[in-house]
Each structure stands twice: as structure tokens, then as C-alpha cells.
PDB file of N, CA and C in Angstrom:
ATOM      1  N   MET A   1       0.834  -1.181   0.000  1.00  0.00           N
ATOM      2  CA  MET A   1       0.000   0.000   0.000  1.00  0.00           C
ATOM      3  C   MET A   1       0.882   1.249   0.000  1.00  0.00           C
ATOM      4  N   ILE A   2       0.628   2.136  -0.907  1.00  0.00           N
ATOM      5  CA  ILE A   2       1.402   3.370  -1.013  1.00  0.00           C
ATOM      6  C   ILE A   2       0.713   4.461  -0.194  1.00  0.00           C
ATOM      7  N   GLN A   3       1.493   5.096   0.683  1.00  0.00           N
ATOM      8  CA  GLN A   3       0.966   6.193   1.487  1.00  0.00           C
ATOM      9  C   GLN A   3       1.319   7.508   0.823  1.00  0.00           C
ATOM     10  N   GLU A   4       0.374   8.417   0.855  1.00  0.00           N
ATOM     11  CA  GLU A   4       0.638   9.746   0.327  1.00  0.00           C
ATOM     12  C   GLU A   4       1.272  10.589   1.435  1.00  0.00           C
ATOM     13  N   LEU A   5       2.313  11.295   1.083  1.00  0.00           N
ATOM     14  CA  LEU A   5       3.000  12.143   2.053  1.00  0.00           C
ATOM     15  C   LEU A   5       2.451  13.554   2.003  1.00  0.00           C
ATOM     16  N   ASN A   6       2.368  14.188   3.168  1.00  0.00           N
ATOM     17  CA  ASN A   6       2.058  15.612   3.154  1.00  0.00           C
ATOM     18  C   ASN A   6       3.373  16.364   2.941  1.00  0.00           C
ATOM     19  N   ALA A   7       3.296  17.654   2.765  1.00  0.00           N
ATOM     20  CA  ALA A   7       4.481  18.454   2.434  1.00  0.00           C
ATOM     21  C   ALA A   7       5.559  18.360   3.516  1.00  0.00           C
ATOM     22  N   MET A   8       5.153  18.369   4.771  1.00  0.00           N
ATOM     23  CA  MET A   8       6.118  18.318   5.871  1.00  0.00           C
ATOM     24  C   MET A   8       6.818  16.961   5.919  1.00  0.00           C
ATOM     25  N   GLN A   9       6.069  15.886   5.742  1.00  0.00           N
ATOM     26  CA  GLN A   9       6.668  14.549   5.727  1.00  0.00           C
ATOM     27  C   GLN A   9       7.650  14.413   4.565  1.00  0.00           C
ATOM     28  N   ALA A  10       7.263  14.903   3.406  1.00  0.00           N
ATOM     29  CA  ALA A  10       8.128  14.829   2.224  1.00  0.00           C
ATOM     30  C   ALA A  10       9.417  15.631   2.445  1.00  0.00           C
ATOM     31  N   PHE A  11       9.297  16.793   3.060  1.00  0.00           N
ATOM     32  CA  PHE A  11      10.453  17.644   3.349  1.00  0.00           C
ATOM     33  C   PHE A  11      11.479  16.891   4.201  1.00  0.00           C
ATOM     34  N   TRP A  12      11.018  16.322   5.312  1.00  0.00           N
ATOM     35  CA  TRP A  12      11.933  15.655   6.230  1.00  0.00           C
ATOM     36  C   TRP A  12      12.429  14.324   5.689  1.00  0.00           C
ATOM     37  N   LEU A  13      11.577  13.580   5.003  1.00  0.00           N
ATOM     38  CA  LEU A  13      12.017  12.322   4.407  1.00  0.00           C
ATOM     39  C   LEU A  13      13.090  12.590   3.350  1.00  0.00           C
ATOM     40  N   GLY A  14      12.916  13.667   2.603  1.00  0.00           N
ATOM     41  CA  GLY A  14      13.922  14.061   1.616  1.00  0.00           C
ATOM     42  C   GLY A  14      15.267  14.338   2.259  1.00  0.00           C
ATOM     43  N   HIS A  15      15.253  15.045   3.377  1.00  0.00           N
ATOM     44  CA  HIS A  15      16.507  15.323   4.087  1.00  0.00           C
ATOM     45  C   HIS A  15      17.144  14.035   4.602  1.00  0.00           C
ATOM     46  N   LEU A  16      16.333  13.130   5.130  1.00  0.00           N
ATOM     47  CA  LEU A  16      16.878  11.863   5.626  1.00  0.00           C
ATOM     48  C   LEU A  16      17.495  11.049   4.494  1.00  0.00           C
ATOM     49  N   TYR A  17      16.860  11.061   3.329  1.00  0.00           N
ATOM     50  CA  TYR A  17      17.422  10.353   2.173  1.00  0.00           C
ATOM     51  C   TYR A  17      18.725  10.993   1.701  1.00  0.00           C
ATOM     52  N   HIS A  18      18.764  12.316   1.667  1.00  0.00           N
ATOM     53  CA  HIS A  18      19.989  12.995   1.237  1.00  0.00           C
ATOM     54  C   HIS A  18      21.150  12.683   2.178  1.00  0.00           C
ATOM     55  N   ALA A  19      20.890  12.686   3.479  1.00  0.00           N
ATOM     56  CA  ALA A  19      21.946  12.361   4.445  1.00  0.00           C
ATOM     57  C   ALA A  19      22.444  10.937   4.229  1.00  0.00           C
ATOM     58  N   SER A  20      21.523  10.019   3.983  1.00  0.00           N
ATOM     59  CA  SER A  20      21.897   8.618   3.781  1.00  0.00           C
ATOM     60  C   SER A  20      22.704   8.429   2.500  1.00  0.00           C
ATOM     61  N   VAL A  21      22.240   9.019   1.413  1.00  0.00           N
ATOM     62  CA  VAL A  21      22.926   8.887   0.124  1.00  0.00           C
ATOM     63  C   VAL A  21      24.333   9.471   0.196  1.00  0.00           C
ATOM     64  N   ARG A  22      24.482  10.557   0.935  1.00  0.00           N
ATOM     65  CA  ARG A  22      25.797  11.190   1.083  1.00  0.00           C
ATOM     66  C   ARG A  22      26.667  10.495   2.128  1.00  0.00           C
ATOM     67  N   GLU A  23      26.106   9.461   2.767  1.00  0.00           N
ATOM     68  CA  GLU A  23      26.815   8.714   3.806  1.00  0.00           C
ATOM     69  C   GLU A  23      27.321   9.634   4.909  1.00  0.00           C
ATOM     70  N   MET A  24      26.443  10.559   5.318  1.00  0.00           N
ATOM     71  CA  MET A  24      26.775  11.514   6.369  1.00  0.00           C
ATOM     72  C   MET A  24      25.997  11.154   7.629  1.00  0.00           C
ATOM     73  N   SER A  25      26.592  11.421   8.780  1.00  0.00           N
ATOM     74  CA  SER A  25      25.844  11.263  10.024  1.00  0.00           C
ATOM     75  C   SER A  25      24.750  12.325  10.033  1.00  0.00           C
ATOM     76  N   LEU A  26      23.685  12.068  10.775  1.00  0.00           N
ATOM     77  CA  LEU A  26      22.608  13.059  10.837  1.00  0.00           C
ATOM     78  C   LEU A  26      23.091  14.353  11.476  1.00  0.00           C
ATOM     79  N   ASN A  27      23.989  14.250  12.435  1.00  0.00           N
ATOM     80  CA  ASN A  27      24.531  15.448  13.065  1.00  0.00           C
ATOM     81  C   ASN A  27      25.298  16.297  12.057  1.00  0.00           C
ATOM     82  N   GLU A  28      26.153  15.650  11.292  1.00  0.00           N
ATOM     83  CA  GLU A  28      26.948  16.342  10.268  1.00  0.00           C
ATOM     84  C   GLU A  28      26.027  16.961   9.205  1.00  0.00           C
ATOM     85  N   TYR A  29      25.039  16.200   8.758  1.00  0.00           N
ATOM     86  CA  TYR A  29      24.113  16.682   7.735  1.00  0.00           C
ATOM     87  C   TYR A  29      23.300  17.870   8.259  1.00  0.00           C
ATOM     88  N   ALA A  30      22.808  17.755   9.488  1.00  0.00           N
ATOM     89  CA  ALA A  30      22.010  18.839  10.074  1.00  0.00           C
ATOM     90  C   ALA A  30      22.813  20.133  10.128  1.00  0.00           C
ATOM     91  N   THR A  31      24.051  20.036  10.569  1.00  0.00           N
ATOM     92  CA  THR A  31      24.917  21.214  10.649  1.00  0.00           C
ATOM     93  C   THR A  31      25.117  21.831   9.271  1.00  0.00           C
ATOM     94  N   GLN A  32      25.384  20.996   8.281  1.00  0.00           N
ATOM     95  CA  GLN A  32      25.619  21.475   6.917  1.00  0.00           C
ATOM     96  C   GLN A  32      24.381  22.151   6.324  1.00  0.00           C
ATOM     97  N   GLN A  33      23.205  21.639   6.661  1.00  0.00           N
ATOM     98  CA  GLN A  33      21.969  22.145   6.066  1.00  0.00           C
ATOM     99  C   GLN A  33      21.268  23.214   6.906  1.00  0.00           C
ATOM    100  N   GLY A  34      21.816  23.552   8.057  1.00  0.00           N
ATOM    101  CA  GLY A  34      21.190  24.549   8.919  1.00  0.00           C
ATOM    102  C   GLY A  34      19.943  24.023   9.616  1.00  0.00           C
ATOM    103  N   LEU A  35      19.915  22.717   9.864  1.00  0.00           N
ATOM    104  CA  LEU A  35      18.803  22.077  10.558  1.00  0.00           C
ATOM    105  C   LEU A  35      19.272  21.682  11.949  1.00  0.00           C
ATOM    106  N   THR A  36      18.336  21.288  12.800  1.00  0.00           N
ATOM    107  CA  THR A  36      18.755  20.778  14.099  1.00  0.00           C
ATOM    108  C   THR A  36      18.732  19.258  14.075  1.00  0.00           C
ATOM    109  N   LEU A  37      19.680  18.674  14.782  1.00  0.00           N
ATOM    110  CA  LEU A  37      19.722  17.224  14.898  1.00  0.00           C
ATOM    111  C   LEU A  37      18.441  16.724  15.555  1.00  0.00           C
ATOM    112  N   ALA A  38      17.951  17.466  16.541  1.00  0.00           N
ATOM    113  CA  ALA A  38      16.725  17.065  17.243  1.00  0.00           C
ATOM    114  C   ALA A  38      15.549  16.940  16.276  1.00  0.00           C
ATOM    115  N   ASP A  39      15.424  17.889  15.345  1.00  0.00           N
ATOM    116  CA  ASP A  39      14.327  17.827  14.370  1.00  0.00           C
ATOM    117  C   ASP A  39      14.474  16.624  13.442  1.00  0.00           C
ATOM    118  N   LEU A  40      15.687  16.368  12.971  1.00  0.00           N
ATOM    119  CA  LEU A  40      15.906  15.207  12.099  1.00  0.00           C
ATOM    120  C   LEU A  40      15.555  13.908  12.821  1.00  0.00           C
ATOM    121  N   LEU A  41      15.982  13.786  14.061  1.00  0.00           N
ATOM    122  CA  LEU A  41      15.695  12.573  14.827  1.00  0.00           C
ATOM    123  C   LEU A  41      14.206  12.432  15.119  1.00  0.00           C
ATOM    124  N   LEU A  42      13.560  13.548  15.423  1.00  0.00           N
ATOM    125  CA  LEU A  42      12.115  13.525  15.677  1.00  0.00           C
ATOM    126  C   LEU A  42      11.356  13.049  14.449  1.00  0.00           C
ATOM    127  N   TRP A  43      11.696  13.607  13.287  1.00  0.00           N
ATOM    128  CA  TRP A  43      10.997  13.226  12.060  1.00  0.00           C
ATOM    129  C   TRP A  43      11.354  11.819  11.614  1.00  0.00           C
ATOM    130  N   GLU A  44      12.569  11.387  11.874  1.00  0.00           N
ATOM    131  CA  GLU A  44      12.926  10.001  11.572  1.00  0.00           C
ATOM    132  C   GLU A  44      12.015   9.057  12.361  1.00  0.00           C
ATOM    133  N   LYS A  45      11.816   9.365  13.629  1.00  0.00           N
ATOM    134  CA  LYS A  45      10.955   8.541  14.477  1.00  0.00           C
ATOM    135  C   LYS A  45       9.502   8.608  14.010  1.00  0.00           C
ATOM    136  N   ARG A  46       8.999   9.809  13.733  1.00  0.00           N
ATOM    137  CA  ARG A  46       7.610   9.968  13.276  1.00  0.00           C
ATOM    138  C   ARG A  46       7.343   9.191  11.992  1.00  0.00           C
ATOM    139  N   LEU A  47       8.269   9.275  11.054  1.00  0.00           N
ATOM    140  CA  LEU A  47       8.089   8.588   9.772  1.00  0.00           C
ATOM    141  C   LEU A  47       8.155   7.071   9.953  1.00  0.00           C
ATOM    142  N   ASN A  48       9.035   6.612  10.829  1.00  0.00           N
ATOM    143  CA  ASN A  48       9.113   5.177  11.129  1.00  0.00           C
ATOM    144  C   ASN A  48       7.809   4.672  11.731  1.00  0.00           C
ATOM    145  N   VAL A  49       7.245   5.436  12.650  1.00  0.00           N
ATOM    146  CA  VAL A  49       5.991   5.054  13.298  1.00  0.00           C
ATOM    147  C   VAL A  49       4.871   4.927  12.268  1.00  0.00           C
ATOM    148  N   ARG A  50       4.893   5.779  11.251  1.00  0.00           N
ATOM    149  CA  ARG A  50       3.872   5.724  10.195  1.00  0.00           C
ATOM    150  C   ARG A  50       4.146   4.608   9.183  1.00  0.00           C
ATOM    151  N   GLY A  51       5.247   3.912   9.368  1.00  0.00           N
ATOM    152  CA  GLY A  51       5.563   2.800   8.481  1.00  0.00           C
ATOM    153  C   GLY A  51       6.171   3.211   7.155  1.00  0.00           C
ATOM    154  N   LEU A  52       6.728   4.417   7.108  1.00  0.00           N
ATOM    155  CA  LEU A  52       7.354   4.897   5.877  1.00  0.00           C
ATOM    156  C   LEU A  52       8.798   4.400   5.799  1.00  0.00           C
ATOM    157  N   PRO A  53       9.289   4.157   4.596  1.00  0.00           N
ATOM    158  CA  PRO A  53      10.646   3.620   4.431  1.00  0.00           C
ATOM    159  C   PRO A  53      11.718   4.678   4.669  1.00  0.00           C
ATOM    160  N   VAL A  54      12.202   4.729   5.894  1.00  0.00           N
ATOM    161  CA  VAL A  54      13.236   5.698   6.262  1.00  0.00           C
ATOM    162  C   VAL A  54      14.600   5.051   6.014  1.00  0.00           C
ATOM    163  N   PRO A  55      15.500   5.762   5.318  1.00  0.00           N
ATOM    164  CA  PRO A  55      16.818   5.188   5.014  1.00  0.00           C
ATOM    165  C   PRO A  55      17.665   5.031   6.276  1.00  0.00           C
ATOM    166  N   PRO A  56      18.670   4.177   6.213  1.00  0.00           N
ATOM    167  CA  PRO A  56      19.541   3.977   7.380  1.00  0.00           C
ATOM    168  C   PRO A  56      20.400   5.208   7.654  1.00  0.00           C
ATOM    169  N   CYS A  57      20.754   5.375   8.908  1.00  0.00           N
ATOM    170  CA  CYS A  57      21.639   6.477   9.316  1.00  0.00           C
ATOM    171  C   CYS A  57      23.084   6.006   9.259  1.00  0.00           C
ATOM    172  N   TRP A  58      23.962   6.947   9.061  1.00  0.00           N
ATOM    173  CA  TRP A  58      25.394   6.645   9.052  1.00  0.00           C
ATOM    174  C   TRP A  58      26.005   7.191  10.322  1.00  0.00           C
ATOM    175  N   LEU A  59      26.877   6.425  10.906  1.00  0.00           N
ATOM    176  CA  LEU A  59      27.605   6.861  12.089  1.00  0.00           C
ATOM    177  C   LEU A  59      29.081   6.923  11.755  1.00  0.00           C
ATOM    178  N   ARG A  60      29.710   8.017  12.117  1.00  0.00           N
ATOM    179  CA  ARG A  60      31.153   8.138  11.936  1.00  0.00           C
ATOM    180  C   ARG A  60      31.826   7.421  13.106  1.00  0.00           C
ATOM    181  N   VAL A  61      32.762   6.587  12.789  1.00  0.00           N
ATOM    182  CA  VAL A  61      33.486   5.852  13.821  1.00  0.00           C
ATOM    183  C   VAL A  61      34.953   6.232  13.730  1.00  0.00           C
ATOM    184  N   SER A  62      35.499   6.619  14.859  1.00  0.00           N
ATOM    185  CA  SER A  62      36.926   6.946  14.922  1.00  0.00           C
ATOM    186  C   SER A  62      37.654   5.813  15.616  1.00  0.00           C
ATOM    187  N   MET A  63      38.750   5.415  15.046  1.00  0.00           N
ATOM    188  CA  MET A  63      39.572   4.373  15.644  1.00  0.00           C
ATOM    189  C   MET A  63      40.681   5.042  16.445  1.00  0.00           C
ATOM    190  N   MET A  64      40.835   4.619  17.680  1.00  0.00           N
ATOM    191  CA  MET A  64      41.891   5.159  18.526  1.00  0.00           C
ATOM    192  C   MET A  64      42.987   4.119  18.659  1.00  0.00           C
ATOM    193  N   HIS A  65      44.198   4.541  18.436  1.00  0.00           N
ATOM    194  CA  HIS A  65      45.343   3.648  18.601  1.00  0.00           C
ATOM    195  C   HIS A  65      45.793   3.703  20.053  1.00  0.00           C
ATOM    196  N   THR A  66      46.018   2.542  20.630  1.00  0.00           N
ATOM    197  CA  THR A  66      46.476   2.515  22.027  1.00  0.00           C
ATOM    198  C   THR A  66      47.855   1.933  22.138  1.00  0.00           C
TER     199      THR A  66
END
């Protein structure tokens, strides 16, 4: 079943897809786009609850030499 998105859902889903395609963490993407990480995370959760296909998030991992 295909769900129709409203303008706000489409806006945030688009940002989540762009962050995923660019392989950027949501924090990094939010900073670059002038958005807040809190808003991205909130909309990621809202869209997931509605059963919409939200792309995976990328996490930057730093390796520390000991």
C-alpha cells in the first residue's frame, strides 16, 4: 500500500534520504543544512511510526590507537 506524504513529511524524508545517500551522520548533515539534529531525529521517528521507508543512518566511527 502506497501512502501519500504531506508536504512536511516529504520535506523531512527528503533530508533523511539525502543524508543517507551522502553517507553523512545526521549530526553532520544537520549542521551542513542549517537544521537541528533534534528535528531530524524527531521526524525520523515519526516517519518510522507511520511505516514509511526511512533510510539507514550513518555513524562516523573513529579508531583510537592505544
